[in-house]
Amino acid sequence: DYIHRIICMTEREKFEVPIRAIGPRAILDFPDELHFSLCPVKFLSQKTLLVRNIGIVEAKFQLSCQ
């Protein structure tokens, strides 16, 4: 990412023009919600989900819960 400013001056005034460039990003696509079936206390439950990177930069993803 890049942020800079250009200062423009005329005979009567001075003003700044902000410049902002945003580089490529990773964009992760995954479900907004996860629904698990009923699971007894102290038992494990698993669910497989698809996580895709639809951006053009490499991404790292880690999900944990308690």
Protein backbone atom coordinates (compact mmCIF):
# COMPACT_ATOMS: atom_id res chain seq x y z
CA ASP A 1 0.00 0.00 0.00
CA TYR A 2 1.11 3.53 -0.67
CA ILE A 3 -0.07 6.83 0.78
CA HIS A 4 1.22 10.23 -0.27
CA ARG A 5 -0.05 13.75 -0.89
CA ILE A 6 0.44 16.40 -3.51
CA ILE A 7 0.42 20.02 -2.42
CA CYS A 8 -1.04 22.35 -5.04
CA MET A 9 -0.45 26.08 -4.75
CA THR A 10 -2.09 28.88 -6.71
CA GLU A 11 -1.86 32.63 -6.33
CA ARG A 12 -4.81 32.61 -3.93
CA GLU A 13 -4.79 29.26 -2.15
CA LYS A 14 -2.93 26.11 -1.23
CA PHE A 15 -4.56 22.67 -1.02
CA GLU A 16 -3.56 19.04 -0.70
CA VAL A 17 -4.59 16.16 -2.92
CA PRO A 18 -4.32 12.79 -1.15
CA ILE A 19 -2.99 9.85 -3.16
CA ARG A 20 -3.66 6.33 -2.00
CA ALA A 21 -2.73 3.14 -3.87
CA ILE A 22 -3.81 -0.24 -2.60
CA GLY A 23 -1.75 -3.24 -3.63
CA PRO A 24 -3.02 -6.73 -4.40
CA ARG A 25 -4.59 -8.64 -1.55
CA ALA A 26 -5.61 -12.15 -0.61
CA ILE A 27 -9.39 -12.54 -0.60
CA LEU A 28 -10.67 -15.57 1.30
CA ASP A 29 -14.07 -16.98 0.35
CA PHE A 30 -15.75 -19.17 2.95
CA PRO A 31 -19.26 -19.68 4.40
CA ASP A 32 -20.72 -16.89 6.54
CA GLU A 33 -22.27 -19.41 8.94
CA LEU A 34 -21.52 -22.95 10.09
CA HIS A 35 -24.31 -25.16 11.41
CA PHE A 36 -23.47 -28.25 13.45
CA SER A 37 -25.94 -30.95 14.38
CA LEU A 38 -26.55 -31.67 18.06
CA CYS A 39 -23.49 -33.01 19.85
CA PRO A 40 -23.42 -34.40 23.42
CA VAL A 41 -21.18 -32.74 25.99
CA LYS A 42 -17.51 -33.85 25.86
CA PHE A 43 -17.94 -35.45 22.43
CA LEU A 44 -16.25 -34.28 19.26
CA SER A 45 -17.99 -32.97 16.19
CA GLN A 46 -16.40 -32.27 12.82
CA LYS A 47 -17.37 -30.32 9.75
CA THR A 48 -15.46 -29.95 6.50
CA LEU A 49 -15.60 -26.56 4.89
CA LEU A 50 -14.17 -25.13 1.71
CA VAL A 51 -11.95 -22.06 2.03
CA ARG A 52 -10.82 -20.58 -1.29
CA ASN A 53 -8.43 -17.74 -1.99
CA ILE A 54 -10.02 -15.78 -4.83
CA GLY A 55 -7.41 -13.02 -4.59
CA ILE A 56 -4.08 -12.90 -6.38
CA VAL A 57 -1.77 -12.96 -3.34
CA GLU A 58 -0.93 -16.00 -1.21
CA ALA A 59 -2.93 -16.28 2.03
CA LYS A 60 -2.58 -18.15 5.30
CA PHE A 61 -5.69 -19.31 7.14
CA GLN A 62 -6.15 -20.76 10.61
CA LEU A 63 -9.42 -21.42 12.41
CA SER A 64 -9.79 -22.53 16.01
CA CYS A 65 -12.61 -22.70 18.51
CA GLN A 66 -13.22 -23.79 22.07
